[in-house]
Amino acid sequence: MNNIRNIALVAHVDHGKTTLLDALLKSGGTFAAHQAVVDRVMDSNDQERERGITILAKAAEIEWRGTKINLVDTPGHADFGGEVERALALVDGILLLVDAAEGPLPQTRYVLSKALARDLPVVVVLNKVDRSDARPEEVLLEVEQLFLDLAHHDHHLSFPVISAVARDGRSMKGIGMPAENADLVPLLDAILDTIPEPTDDPSAPLQAMVANLDAS
């Protein structure tokens, strides 16, 4: 199962998680270059569309360098923390998005604590570095302090950092402003380098956890 990665996108509400997922789907070739794509394409629930927030965890997939990356979009609002916990049980790592101006907020701490408790590797994405009030260096220090507070093992303190403008689909390694012609290749490569392949036995009986029931 070396050619599969299962990851969850987690963040405080409005830090750009669903916007980044939209950009990843476009970068991964899910949509044709000429295809018109609505914003927040994963928020298909009527309530999500109306409120502009993610309520239910949902999955999508992209292909990158011969690897299938399964992406799980999770709610950023504290009221739907149960959805986040169920999503973390399904993945092998997370993308932790943090607004480069606002810094880590309560839901950031909550989801990171749950991820580290499961010993999941983390790729930190400092999003919205193009904001006029962005302070990425200070925010990174705040994120590092959060890891110090929540880490269960020394290896939890080592994680890649990506700066991004999710709205434009731009990223770069480390702290800085992605170039105007930048793309999400640095982030996609960080996913492959950091998140391990699943360790499940593909020959074992199928098991699945029912997380949500719906009817039309």
N, C-alpha and C. Protein backbone atom coordinates (compact mmCIF):
# COMPACT_ATOMS: atom_id res chain seq x y z
N MET A 1 0.82 -1.20 0.00
CA MET A 1 0.00 0.00 0.00
C MET A 1 0.86 1.26 0.00
N ASN A 2 2.08 1.15 -0.60
CA ASN A 2 3.01 2.27 -0.61
C ASN A 2 2.49 3.44 -1.44
N ASN A 3 1.56 3.21 -2.32
CA ASN A 3 1.10 4.26 -3.22
C ASN A 3 -0.20 4.90 -2.76
N ILE A 4 -0.44 4.90 -1.45
CA ILE A 4 -1.63 5.52 -0.88
C ILE A 4 -1.23 6.38 0.31
N ARG A 5 -1.85 7.54 0.44
CA ARG A 5 -1.72 8.36 1.64
C ARG A 5 -3.12 8.78 2.07
N ASN A 6 -3.41 8.66 3.36
CA ASN A 6 -4.70 9.07 3.91
C ASN A 6 -4.47 10.21 4.89
N ILE A 7 -5.00 11.39 4.58
CA ILE A 7 -4.74 12.55 5.44
C ILE A 7 -6.03 13.33 5.69
N ALA A 8 -6.06 14.01 6.82
CA ALA A 8 -7.18 14.90 7.16
C ALA A 8 -6.70 16.33 7.17
N LEU A 9 -7.53 17.24 6.68
CA LEU A 9 -7.26 18.67 6.76
C LEU A 9 -7.99 19.20 7.98
N VAL A 10 -7.25 19.78 8.92
CA VAL A 10 -7.85 20.25 10.17
C VAL A 10 -7.42 21.69 10.43
N ALA A 11 -8.32 22.46 11.05
CA ALA A 11 -8.02 23.86 11.32
C ALA A 11 -9.16 24.46 12.14
N HIS A 12 -8.88 25.62 12.72
CA HIS A 12 -9.95 26.43 13.32
C HIS A 12 -10.82 26.95 12.18
N VAL A 13 -12.06 27.24 12.49
CA VAL A 13 -13.00 27.70 11.47
C VAL A 13 -12.48 28.96 10.76
N ASP A 14 -12.64 29.01 9.46
CA ASP A 14 -12.27 30.15 8.60
C ASP A 14 -10.76 30.33 8.42
N HIS A 15 -9.97 29.32 8.71
CA HIS A 15 -8.53 29.44 8.46
C HIS A 15 -8.15 28.95 7.06
N GLY A 16 -9.14 28.57 6.24
CA GLY A 16 -8.87 28.30 4.83
C GLY A 16 -8.77 26.84 4.45
N LYS A 17 -9.23 25.97 5.31
CA LYS A 17 -9.09 24.53 5.09
C LYS A 17 -9.84 24.06 3.84
N THR A 18 -11.11 24.41 3.72
CA THR A 18 -11.89 23.96 2.57
C THR A 18 -11.42 24.63 1.29
N THR A 19 -10.96 25.87 1.39
CA THR A 19 -10.39 26.56 0.22
C THR A 19 -9.13 25.84 -0.25
N LEU A 20 -8.29 25.40 0.69
CA LEU A 20 -7.09 24.65 0.31
C LEU A 20 -7.47 23.33 -0.34
N LEU A 21 -8.47 22.67 0.18
CA LEU A 21 -8.89 21.41 -0.43
C LEU A 21 -9.36 21.63 -1.86
N ASP A 22 -10.12 22.69 -2.09
CA ASP A 22 -10.53 23.02 -3.46
C ASP A 22 -9.31 23.16 -4.37
N ALA A 23 -8.28 23.87 -3.87
CA ALA A 23 -7.07 24.09 -4.67
C ALA A 23 -6.32 22.78 -4.91
N LEU A 24 -6.29 21.90 -3.91
CA LEU A 24 -5.62 20.60 -4.07
C LEU A 24 -6.34 19.75 -5.11
N LEU A 25 -7.66 19.79 -5.11
CA LEU A 25 -8.42 19.02 -6.09
C LEU A 25 -8.12 19.52 -7.51
N LYS A 26 -7.97 20.83 -7.66
CA LYS A 26 -7.64 21.38 -8.97
C LYS A 26 -6.20 21.00 -9.36
N SER A 27 -5.28 21.09 -8.40
CA SER A 27 -3.87 20.77 -8.69
C SER A 27 -3.70 19.29 -9.01
N GLY A 28 -4.50 18.45 -8.36
CA GLY A 28 -4.38 17.01 -8.56
C GLY A 28 -5.07 16.50 -9.80
N GLY A 29 -5.63 17.40 -10.61
CA GLY A 29 -6.25 17.00 -11.86
C GLY A 29 -7.65 16.45 -11.72
N THR A 30 -8.28 16.66 -10.55
CA THR A 30 -9.66 16.19 -10.38
C THR A 30 -10.59 16.91 -11.35
N PHE A 31 -10.28 18.19 -11.62
CA PHE A 31 -11.08 18.97 -12.56
C PHE A 31 -10.22 19.33 -13.76
N ALA A 32 -10.82 19.36 -14.93
CA ALA A 32 -10.11 19.77 -16.13
C ALA A 32 -9.75 21.24 -16.04
N ALA A 33 -8.69 21.64 -16.74
CA ALA A 33 -8.20 23.01 -16.66
C ALA A 33 -9.27 24.02 -17.06
N HIS A 34 -10.14 23.64 -18.01
CA HIS A 34 -11.16 24.56 -18.50
C HIS A 34 -12.46 24.47 -17.73
N GLN A 35 -12.54 23.54 -16.76
CA GLN A 35 -13.80 23.28 -16.08
C GLN A 35 -14.09 24.33 -15.03
N ALA A 36 -15.29 24.87 -15.02
CA ALA A 36 -15.69 25.82 -13.99
C ALA A 36 -16.01 25.06 -12.71
N VAL A 37 -15.42 25.50 -11.60
CA VAL A 37 -15.59 24.81 -10.32
C VAL A 37 -16.08 25.81 -9.29
N VAL A 38 -17.16 25.48 -8.60
CA VAL A 38 -17.66 26.38 -7.56
C VAL A 38 -16.73 26.35 -6.36
N ASP A 39 -16.71 27.45 -5.59
CA ASP A 39 -15.95 27.47 -4.35
C ASP A 39 -16.58 26.51 -3.36
N ARG A 40 -15.75 26.00 -2.43
CA ARG A 40 -16.22 25.08 -1.38
C ARG A 40 -16.95 23.90 -2.01
N VAL A 41 -16.29 23.29 -3.00
CA VAL A 41 -16.93 22.22 -3.76
C VAL A 41 -17.31 21.03 -2.88
N MET A 42 -16.58 20.83 -1.76
CA MET A 42 -16.87 19.70 -0.88
C MET A 42 -18.04 19.96 0.05
N ASP A 43 -18.42 21.22 0.23
CA ASP A 43 -19.53 21.54 1.13
C ASP A 43 -20.84 21.43 0.36
N SER A 44 -21.31 20.19 0.20
CA SER A 44 -22.51 19.94 -0.61
C SER A 44 -23.78 19.95 0.21
N ASN A 45 -23.65 19.84 1.53
CA ASN A 45 -24.81 19.87 2.40
C ASN A 45 -25.46 21.25 2.37
N ASP A 46 -26.80 21.30 2.33
CA ASP A 46 -27.50 22.59 2.23
C ASP A 46 -27.13 23.54 3.36
N GLN A 47 -27.04 22.99 4.57
CA GLN A 47 -26.70 23.83 5.72
C GLN A 47 -25.28 24.37 5.60
N GLU A 48 -24.37 23.56 5.06
CA GLU A 48 -22.99 24.01 4.86
C GLU A 48 -22.93 25.15 3.86
N ARG A 49 -23.67 25.01 2.77
CA ARG A 49 -23.70 26.06 1.76
C ARG A 49 -24.26 27.36 2.34
N GLU A 50 -25.31 27.22 3.14
CA GLU A 50 -25.97 28.40 3.69
C GLU A 50 -25.08 29.11 4.71
N ARG A 51 -24.40 28.34 5.56
CA ARG A 51 -23.62 28.92 6.65
C ARG A 51 -22.17 29.17 6.27
N GLY A 52 -21.72 28.58 5.16
CA GLY A 52 -20.34 28.79 4.73
C GLY A 52 -19.32 28.10 5.61
N ILE A 53 -19.73 27.02 6.30
CA ILE A 53 -18.80 26.26 7.12
C ILE A 53 -18.96 24.78 6.80
N THR A 54 -17.92 24.00 7.12
CA THR A 54 -17.99 22.55 6.96
C THR A 54 -18.58 21.95 8.23
N ILE A 55 -19.59 21.10 8.06
CA ILE A 55 -20.25 20.46 9.20
C ILE A 55 -19.94 18.97 9.24
N LEU A 56 -19.93 18.33 8.08
CA LEU A 56 -19.70 16.89 8.00
C LEU A 56 -18.33 16.62 7.38
N ALA A 57 -17.61 15.63 7.93
CA ALA A 57 -16.34 15.22 7.34
C ALA A 57 -16.63 14.52 6.01
N LYS A 58 -15.83 14.85 4.99
CA LYS A 58 -16.03 14.27 3.67
C LYS A 58 -14.67 13.95 3.05
N ALA A 59 -14.66 12.97 2.15
CA ALA A 59 -13.39 12.53 1.56
C ALA A 59 -13.38 12.76 0.06
N ALA A 60 -12.19 13.01 -0.46
CA ALA A 60 -11.95 13.11 -1.90
C ALA A 60 -10.57 12.54 -2.15
N GLU A 61 -10.21 12.36 -3.40
CA GLU A 61 -8.89 11.82 -3.69
C GLU A 61 -8.26 12.54 -4.87
N ILE A 62 -6.94 12.60 -4.84
CA ILE A 62 -6.17 13.12 -5.96
C ILE A 62 -5.01 12.17 -6.22
N GLU A 63 -4.41 12.29 -7.38
CA GLU A 63 -3.22 11.51 -7.73
C GLU A 63 -2.03 12.45 -7.80
N TRP A 64 -0.90 12.04 -7.18
CA TRP A 64 0.29 12.86 -7.25
C TRP A 64 1.52 11.96 -7.27
N ARG A 65 2.33 12.11 -8.30
CA ARG A 65 3.56 11.33 -8.48
C ARG A 65 3.29 9.84 -8.29
N GLY A 66 2.22 9.36 -8.90
CA GLY A 66 1.89 7.94 -8.85
C GLY A 66 1.29 7.47 -7.54
N THR A 67 0.96 8.39 -6.66
CA THR A 67 0.38 8.04 -5.36
C THR A 67 -1.03 8.60 -5.25
N LYS A 68 -1.94 7.77 -4.76
CA LYS A 68 -3.30 8.24 -4.50
C LYS A 68 -3.34 8.86 -3.11
N ILE A 69 -3.74 10.12 -3.05
CA ILE A 69 -3.85 10.83 -1.77
C ILE A 69 -5.34 11.00 -1.45
N ASN A 70 -5.78 10.34 -0.39
CA ASN A 70 -7.15 10.49 0.08
C ASN A 70 -7.21 11.65 1.06
N LEU A 71 -8.03 12.64 0.76
CA LEU A 71 -8.12 13.87 1.55
C LEU A 71 -9.46 13.89 2.29
N VAL A 72 -9.40 14.08 3.60
CA VAL A 72 -10.63 14.15 4.40
C VAL A 72 -10.78 15.58 4.91
N ASP A 73 -11.83 16.25 4.46
CA ASP A 73 -12.13 17.61 4.92
C ASP A 73 -12.92 17.50 6.21
N THR A 74 -12.51 18.23 7.24
CA THR A 74 -13.16 18.12 8.56
C THR A 74 -13.75 19.47 8.97
N PRO A 75 -14.73 19.47 9.86
CA PRO A 75 -15.29 20.73 10.35
C PRO A 75 -14.27 21.50 11.17
N GLY A 76 -14.31 22.83 11.06
CA GLY A 76 -13.42 23.67 11.86
C GLY A 76 -14.11 24.26 13.07
N HIS A 77 -15.43 24.11 13.14
CA HIS A 77 -16.20 24.69 14.24
C HIS A 77 -16.22 23.73 15.42
N ALA A 78 -16.05 24.27 16.62
CA ALA A 78 -15.97 23.45 17.83
C ALA A 78 -17.23 22.62 18.05
N ASP A 79 -18.37 23.07 17.55
CA ASP A 79 -19.63 22.34 17.75
C ASP A 79 -19.63 20.97 17.08
N PHE A 80 -18.71 20.77 16.13
CA PHE A 80 -18.71 19.52 15.38
C PHE A 80 -17.42 18.73 15.62
N GLY A 81 -16.90 18.82 16.84
CA GLY A 81 -15.65 18.14 17.19
C GLY A 81 -15.73 16.64 17.04
N GLY A 82 -16.92 16.07 17.24
CA GLY A 82 -17.07 14.62 17.09
C GLY A 82 -16.77 14.16 15.68
N GLU A 83 -17.14 14.97 14.70
CA GLU A 83 -16.83 14.65 13.30
C GLU A 83 -15.32 14.61 13.08
N VAL A 84 -14.61 15.55 13.72
CA VAL A 84 -13.16 15.59 13.57
C VAL A 84 -12.53 14.33 14.16
N GLU A 85 -12.96 13.95 15.36
CA GLU A 85 -12.39 12.76 16.00
C GLU A 85 -12.63 11.51 15.16
N ARG A 86 -13.80 11.38 14.58
CA ARG A 86 -14.08 10.21 13.73
C ARG A 86 -13.18 10.23 12.50
N ALA A 87 -12.94 11.41 11.94
CA ALA A 87 -12.08 11.51 10.76
C ALA A 87 -10.65 11.11 11.10
N LEU A 88 -10.17 11.51 12.27
CA LEU A 88 -8.79 11.20 12.65
C LEU A 88 -8.57 9.70 12.81
N ALA A 89 -9.64 8.97 13.10
CA ALA A 89 -9.52 7.52 13.23
C ALA A 89 -9.32 6.84 11.88
N LEU A 90 -9.53 7.57 10.80
CA LEU A 90 -9.47 6.99 9.46
C LEU A 90 -8.19 7.32 8.71
N VAL A 91 -7.35 8.20 9.24
CA VAL A 91 -6.21 8.71 8.47
C VAL A 91 -4.88 8.36 9.12
N ASP A 92 -3.80 8.65 8.39
CA ASP A 92 -2.45 8.34 8.85
C ASP A 92 -1.62 9.60 9.08
N GLY A 93 -2.24 10.78 8.96
CA GLY A 93 -1.55 12.04 9.18
C GLY A 93 -2.49 13.19 8.93
N ILE A 94 -2.04 14.40 9.27
CA ILE A 94 -2.92 15.57 9.09
C ILE A 94 -2.16 16.74 8.47
N LEU A 95 -2.93 17.60 7.78
CA LEU A 95 -2.48 18.93 7.42
C LEU A 95 -3.11 19.87 8.44
N LEU A 96 -2.29 20.55 9.22
CA LEU A 96 -2.78 21.50 10.22
C LEU A 96 -2.66 22.90 9.65
N LEU A 97 -3.78 23.51 9.31
CA LEU A 97 -3.78 24.87 8.77
C LEU A 97 -3.91 25.88 9.89
N VAL A 98 -3.09 26.92 9.80
CA VAL A 98 -3.14 28.01 10.77
C VAL A 98 -3.10 29.33 10.01
N ASP A 99 -4.02 30.21 10.32
CA ASP A 99 -4.05 31.53 9.70
C ASP A 99 -2.80 32.30 10.11
N ALA A 100 -2.06 32.84 9.12
CA ALA A 100 -0.79 33.50 9.39
C ALA A 100 -0.95 34.83 10.10
N ALA A 101 -2.17 35.32 10.23
CA ALA A 101 -2.43 36.54 10.99
C ALA A 101 -3.03 36.23 12.36
N GLU A 102 -4.02 35.34 12.39
CA GLU A 102 -4.72 35.06 13.65
C GLU A 102 -3.93 34.12 14.55
N GLY A 103 -3.13 33.23 13.96
CA GLY A 103 -2.39 32.27 14.76
C GLY A 103 -3.28 31.14 15.24
N PRO A 104 -2.72 30.23 16.04
CA PRO A 104 -3.51 29.10 16.54
C PRO A 104 -4.60 29.56 17.50
N LEU A 105 -5.80 29.01 17.33
CA LEU A 105 -6.96 29.36 18.14
C LEU A 105 -7.48 28.09 18.83
N PRO A 106 -8.52 28.18 19.65
CA PRO A 106 -8.94 27.02 20.46
C PRO A 106 -9.13 25.72 19.68
N GLN A 107 -9.77 25.78 18.51
CA GLN A 107 -9.99 24.55 17.76
C GLN A 107 -8.68 24.00 17.21
N THR A 108 -7.70 24.88 16.97
CA THR A 108 -6.37 24.41 16.55
C THR A 108 -5.78 23.52 17.63
N ARG A 109 -5.84 23.99 18.87
CA ARG A 109 -5.32 23.20 20.00
C ARG A 109 -6.08 21.88 20.12
N TYR A 110 -7.39 21.95 19.99
CA TYR A 110 -8.22 20.75 20.17
C TYR A 110 -7.86 19.68 19.15
N VAL A 111 -7.84 20.04 17.87
CA VAL A 111 -7.60 19.03 16.84
C VAL A 111 -6.16 18.53 16.90
N LEU A 112 -5.21 19.41 17.21
CA LEU A 112 -3.82 18.97 17.31
C LEU A 112 -3.65 18.00 18.47
N SER A 113 -4.29 18.28 19.60
CA SER A 113 -4.18 17.37 20.75
C SER A 113 -4.71 15.99 20.40
N LYS A 114 -5.82 15.93 19.67
CA LYS A 114 -6.39 14.64 19.28
C LYS A 114 -5.48 13.92 18.29
N ALA A 115 -4.87 14.67 17.37
CA ALA A 115 -3.99 14.05 16.38
C ALA A 115 -2.72 13.50 17.03
N LEU A 116 -2.12 14.28 17.92
CA LEU A 116 -0.89 13.82 18.58
C LEU A 116 -1.18 12.66 19.52
N ALA A 117 -2.36 12.63 20.12
CA ALA A 117 -2.73 11.50 20.97
C ALA A 117 -2.79 10.21 20.16
N ARG A 118 -3.07 10.33 18.87
CA ARG A 118 -3.08 9.17 17.97
C ARG A 118 -1.72 8.97 17.29
N ASP A 119 -0.74 9.80 17.66
CA ASP A 119 0.61 9.71 17.11
C ASP A 119 0.61 9.92 15.59
N LEU A 120 -0.22 10.84 15.12
CA LEU A 120 -0.28 11.12 13.69
C LEU A 120 0.75 12.18 13.31
N PRO A 121 1.52 11.96 12.25
CA PRO A 121 2.45 12.99 11.78
C PRO A 121 1.69 14.19 11.24
N VAL A 122 2.34 15.36 11.30
CA VAL A 122 1.68 16.62 10.99
C VAL A 122 2.49 17.41 9.96
N VAL A 123 1.81 17.96 8.97
CA VAL A 123 2.37 18.98 8.08
C VAL A 123 1.68 20.28 8.46
N VAL A 124 2.46 21.27 8.89
CA VAL A 124 1.89 22.57 9.29
C VAL A 124 1.84 23.48 8.07
N VAL A 125 0.67 24.05 7.82
CA VAL A 125 0.48 24.98 6.70
C VAL A 125 0.09 26.34 7.27
N LEU A 126 0.97 27.32 7.11
CA LEU A 126 0.65 28.70 7.49
C LEU A 126 -0.05 29.34 6.30
N ASN A 127 -1.35 29.49 6.41
CA ASN A 127 -2.15 29.97 5.29
C ASN A 127 -2.39 31.48 5.38
N LYS A 128 -2.78 32.06 4.27
CA LYS A 128 -3.11 33.48 4.18
C LYS A 128 -1.90 34.37 4.51
N VAL A 129 -0.71 33.94 4.05
CA VAL A 129 0.49 34.74 4.31
C VAL A 129 0.48 36.04 3.52
N ASP A 130 -0.49 36.19 2.61
CA ASP A 130 -0.60 37.43 1.84
C ASP A 130 -1.44 38.49 2.54
N ARG A 131 -2.01 38.17 3.69
CA ARG A 131 -2.79 39.17 4.42
C ARG A 131 -1.90 40.33 4.85
N SER A 132 -2.45 41.53 4.84
CA SER A 132 -1.66 42.71 5.21
C SER A 132 -1.20 42.65 6.66
N ASP A 133 -1.96 41.94 7.49
CA ASP A 133 -1.60 41.82 8.91
C ASP A 133 -0.96 40.48 9.24
N ALA A 134 -0.50 39.76 8.21
CA ALA A 134 0.14 38.47 8.45
C ALA A 134 1.42 38.64 9.26
N ARG A 135 1.68 37.70 10.15
CA ARG A 135 2.87 37.70 10.99
C ARG A 135 3.37 36.26 11.12
N PRO A 136 3.79 35.68 10.00
CA PRO A 136 4.09 34.24 9.97
C PRO A 136 5.19 33.80 10.93
N GLU A 137 6.22 34.63 11.12
CA GLU A 137 7.30 34.23 12.04
C GLU A 137 6.77 34.09 13.47
N GLU A 138 5.97 35.07 13.91
CA GLU A 138 5.40 35.00 15.25
C GLU A 138 4.43 33.84 15.38
N VAL A 139 3.61 33.64 14.36
CA VAL A 139 2.63 32.56 14.40
C VAL A 139 3.32 31.21 14.47
N LEU A 140 4.42 31.05 13.74
CA LEU A 140 5.15 29.79 13.81
C LEU A 140 5.66 29.53 15.22
N LEU A 141 6.14 30.57 15.90
CA LEU A 141 6.58 30.41 17.29
C LEU A 141 5.41 29.96 18.17
N GLU A 142 4.22 30.51 17.92
CA GLU A 142 3.04 30.11 18.69
C GLU A 142 2.68 28.65 18.40
N VAL A 143 2.82 28.24 17.15
CA VAL A 143 2.54 26.85 16.78
C VAL A 143 3.55 25.92 17.45
N GLU A 144 4.81 26.31 17.43
CA GLU A 144 5.84 25.49 18.07
C GLU A 144 5.57 25.34 19.56
N GLN A 145 5.12 26.41 20.20
CA GLN A 145 4.78 26.33 21.62
C GLN A 145 3.60 25.39 21.84
N LEU A 146 2.66 25.40 20.92
CA LEU A 146 1.52 24.49 21.01
C LEU A 146 1.98 23.04 20.95
N PHE A 147 2.90 22.75 20.05
CA PHE A 147 3.44 21.39 19.97
C PHE A 147 4.17 21.03 21.26
N LEU A 148 4.93 21.97 21.81
CA LEU A 148 5.63 21.70 23.08
C LEU A 148 4.63 21.36 24.18
N ASP A 149 3.51 22.06 24.20
CA ASP A 149 2.49 21.82 25.23
C ASP A 149 1.80 20.47 25.06
N LEU A 150 1.63 20.03 23.82
CA LEU A 150 0.77 18.88 23.56
C LEU A 150 1.51 17.60 23.18
N ALA A 151 2.81 17.70 22.89
CA ALA A 151 3.56 16.54 22.39
C ALA A 151 3.60 15.40 23.41
N HIS A 152 3.47 14.18 22.91
CA HIS A 152 3.61 12.98 23.73
C HIS A 152 4.99 12.35 23.55
N HIS A 153 5.65 12.64 22.43
CA HIS A 153 6.95 12.06 22.10
C HIS A 153 7.83 13.15 21.49
N ASP A 154 9.13 12.94 21.55
CA ASP A 154 10.07 13.92 20.99
C ASP A 154 9.85 14.13 19.49
N HIS A 155 9.49 13.05 18.79
CA HIS A 155 9.35 13.19 17.33
C HIS A 155 8.15 14.05 16.95
N HIS A 156 7.26 14.32 17.89
CA HIS A 156 6.14 15.22 17.60
C HIS A 156 6.61 16.67 17.40
N LEU A 157 7.82 16.96 17.84
CA LEU A 157 8.33 18.33 17.75
C LEU A 157 9.01 18.61 16.41
N SER A 158 9.05 17.61 15.55
CA SER A 158 9.67 17.78 14.23
C SER A 158 8.58 17.68 13.16
N PHE A 159 8.40 18.76 12.42
CA PHE A 159 7.34 18.79 11.40
C PHE A 159 7.70 19.79 10.31
N PRO A 160 7.32 19.50 9.07
CA PRO A 160 7.58 20.46 7.99
C PRO A 160 6.61 21.63 8.06
N VAL A 161 7.07 22.78 7.59
CA VAL A 161 6.25 23.99 7.57
C VAL A 161 6.12 24.48 6.12
N ILE A 162 4.90 24.72 5.71
CA ILE A 162 4.61 25.22 4.38
C ILE A 162 3.88 26.55 4.50
N SER A 163 4.32 27.56 3.76
CA SER A 163 3.59 28.83 3.67
C SER A 163 2.69 28.77 2.44
N ALA A 164 1.46 29.28 2.58
CA ALA A 164 0.52 29.12 1.47
C ALA A 164 -0.43 30.30 1.34
N VAL A 165 -0.89 30.47 0.12
CA VAL A 165 -2.04 31.33 -0.19
C VAL A 165 -3.03 30.39 -0.86
N ALA A 166 -3.85 29.72 -0.05
CA ALA A 166 -4.72 28.66 -0.55
C ALA A 166 -5.66 29.16 -1.63
N ARG A 167 -6.14 30.38 -1.48
CA ARG A 167 -7.09 30.94 -2.43
C ARG A 167 -6.52 30.93 -3.85
N ASP A 168 -5.20 31.16 -3.96
CA ASP A 168 -4.55 31.21 -5.27
C ASP A 168 -3.85 29.91 -5.63
N GLY A 169 -3.88 28.92 -4.73
CA GLY A 169 -3.19 27.66 -5.01
C GLY A 169 -1.69 27.80 -5.04
N ARG A 170 -1.12 28.62 -4.13
CA ARG A 170 0.33 28.85 -4.11
C ARG A 170 0.92 28.39 -2.78
N SER A 171 2.13 27.84 -2.82
CA SER A 171 2.79 27.40 -1.59
C SER A 171 4.30 27.42 -1.76
N MET A 172 5.00 27.34 -0.63
CA MET A 172 6.46 27.25 -0.62
C MET A 172 6.89 26.60 0.68
N LYS A 173 8.08 26.02 0.68
CA LYS A 173 8.63 25.44 1.91
C LYS A 173 9.08 26.55 2.84
N GLY A 174 8.88 26.37 4.14
CA GLY A 174 9.36 27.33 5.12
C GLY A 174 8.48 28.57 5.20
N ILE A 175 9.08 29.62 5.77
CA ILE A 175 8.37 30.88 5.99
C ILE A 175 8.66 31.85 4.85
N GLY A 176 7.63 32.45 4.29
CA GLY A 176 7.84 33.42 3.23
C GLY A 176 6.57 33.63 2.43
N MET A 177 6.72 34.36 1.34
CA MET A 177 5.60 34.63 0.43
C MET A 177 5.79 33.83 -0.85
N PRO A 178 4.92 32.87 -1.14
CA PRO A 178 5.05 32.11 -2.39
C PRO A 178 5.04 33.04 -3.60
N ALA A 179 5.87 32.72 -4.58
CA ALA A 179 5.94 33.52 -5.80
C ALA A 179 4.61 33.52 -6.53
N GLU A 180 4.42 34.53 -7.37
CA GLU A 180 3.16 34.65 -8.11
C GLU A 180 2.90 33.44 -9.00
N ASN A 181 3.98 32.82 -9.48
CA ASN A 181 3.82 31.65 -10.35
C ASN A 181 3.97 30.34 -9.58
N ALA A 182 3.94 30.41 -8.26
CA ALA A 182 4.08 29.21 -7.43
C ALA A 182 2.83 28.35 -7.53
N ASP A 183 2.96 27.10 -7.09
CA ASP A 183 1.84 26.17 -7.11
C ASP A 183 1.83 25.38 -5.80
N LEU A 184 1.13 24.28 -5.77
CA LEU A 184 1.03 23.48 -4.55
C LEU A 184 1.98 22.29 -4.53
N VAL A 185 2.94 22.27 -5.46
CA VAL A 185 3.91 21.17 -5.50
C VAL A 185 4.67 21.03 -4.18
N PRO A 186 5.17 22.13 -3.56
CA PRO A 186 5.86 21.96 -2.27
C PRO A 186 4.99 21.29 -1.21
N LEU A 187 3.72 21.63 -1.17
CA LEU A 187 2.82 21.01 -0.20
C LEU A 187 2.56 19.55 -0.53
N LEU A 188 2.31 19.25 -1.79
CA LEU A 188 2.06 17.87 -2.19
C LEU A 188 3.27 16.98 -1.92
N ASP A 189 4.47 17.51 -2.20
CA ASP A 189 5.68 16.73 -1.91
C ASP A 189 5.87 16.53 -0.41
N ALA A 190 5.53 17.55 0.39
CA ALA A 190 5.63 17.41 1.85
C ALA A 190 4.69 16.33 2.36
N ILE A 191 3.52 16.20 1.74
CA ILE A 191 2.58 15.15 2.13
C ILE A 191 3.22 13.78 1.89
N LEU A 192 3.79 13.57 0.71
CA LEU A 192 4.40 12.28 0.40
C LEU A 192 5.59 11.98 1.30
N ASP A 193 6.36 13.02 1.64
CA ASP A 193 7.57 12.83 2.45
C ASP A 193 7.26 12.60 3.92
N THR A 194 6.13 13.13 4.41
CA THR A 194 5.86 13.15 5.85
C THR A 194 4.82 12.12 6.29
N ILE A 195 3.78 11.95 5.49
CA ILE A 195 2.68 11.07 5.89
C ILE A 195 3.00 9.65 5.43
N PRO A 196 2.97 8.67 6.33
CA PRO A 196 3.31 7.29 5.94
C PRO A 196 2.17 6.61 5.19
N GLU A 197 2.51 5.54 4.50
CA GLU A 197 1.48 4.75 3.86
C GLU A 197 0.68 3.98 4.92
N PRO A 198 -0.53 3.56 4.61
CA PRO A 198 -1.31 2.79 5.59
C PRO A 198 -0.60 1.48 5.95
N THR A 199 -0.78 1.06 7.19
CA THR A 199 -0.15 -0.18 7.66
C THR A 199 -1.17 -1.31 7.80
N ASP A 200 -2.38 -1.10 7.34
CA ASP A 200 -3.41 -2.13 7.45
C ASP A 200 -3.09 -3.32 6.54
N ASP A 201 -3.69 -4.44 6.84
CA ASP A 201 -3.52 -5.66 6.06
C ASP A 201 -4.60 -5.71 4.98
N PRO A 202 -4.24 -5.53 3.71
CA PRO A 202 -5.27 -5.51 2.65
C PRO A 202 -5.97 -6.84 2.46
N SER A 203 -5.38 -7.93 2.98
CA SER A 203 -6.01 -9.24 2.83
C SER A 203 -6.96 -9.57 3.97
N ALA A 204 -7.02 -8.72 4.99
CA ALA A 204 -7.90 -8.96 6.13
C ALA A 204 -9.35 -8.65 5.76
N PRO A 205 -10.30 -9.16 6.55
CA PRO A 205 -11.72 -8.86 6.27
C PRO A 205 -11.99 -7.36 6.32
N LEU A 206 -12.87 -6.90 5.45
CA LEU A 206 -13.22 -5.49 5.39
C LEU A 206 -13.93 -5.06 6.67
N GLN A 207 -13.50 -3.92 7.22
CA GLN A 207 -14.17 -3.31 8.35
C GLN A 207 -14.42 -1.85 8.03
N ALA A 208 -15.54 -1.32 8.47
CA ALA A 208 -15.85 0.09 8.23
C ALA A 208 -16.67 0.63 9.38
N MET A 209 -16.38 1.89 9.75
CA MET A 209 -17.14 2.54 10.80
C MET A 209 -18.17 3.46 10.16
N VAL A 210 -19.43 3.29 10.55
CA VAL A 210 -20.49 4.15 10.04
C VAL A 210 -20.42 5.47 10.79
N ALA A 211 -20.11 6.55 10.07
CA ALA A 211 -19.95 7.86 10.69
C ALA A 211 -21.16 8.75 10.48
N ASN A 212 -21.95 8.46 9.43
CA ASN A 212 -23.09 9.33 9.15
C ASN A 212 -24.10 8.59 8.29
N LEU A 213 -25.36 8.81 8.59
CA LEU A 213 -26.46 8.26 7.80
C LEU A 213 -27.28 9.40 7.25
N ASP A 214 -27.69 9.28 6.00
CA ASP A 214 -28.48 10.35 5.38
C ASP A 214 -29.50 9.72 4.46
N ALA A 215 -30.53 10.45 4.17
CA ALA A 215 -31.56 9.96 3.26
C ALA A 215 -32.04 11.11 2.40
N SER A 216 -32.42 10.81 1.17
CA SER A 216 -32.90 11.85 0.27
C SER A 216 -34.37 11.59 -0.07
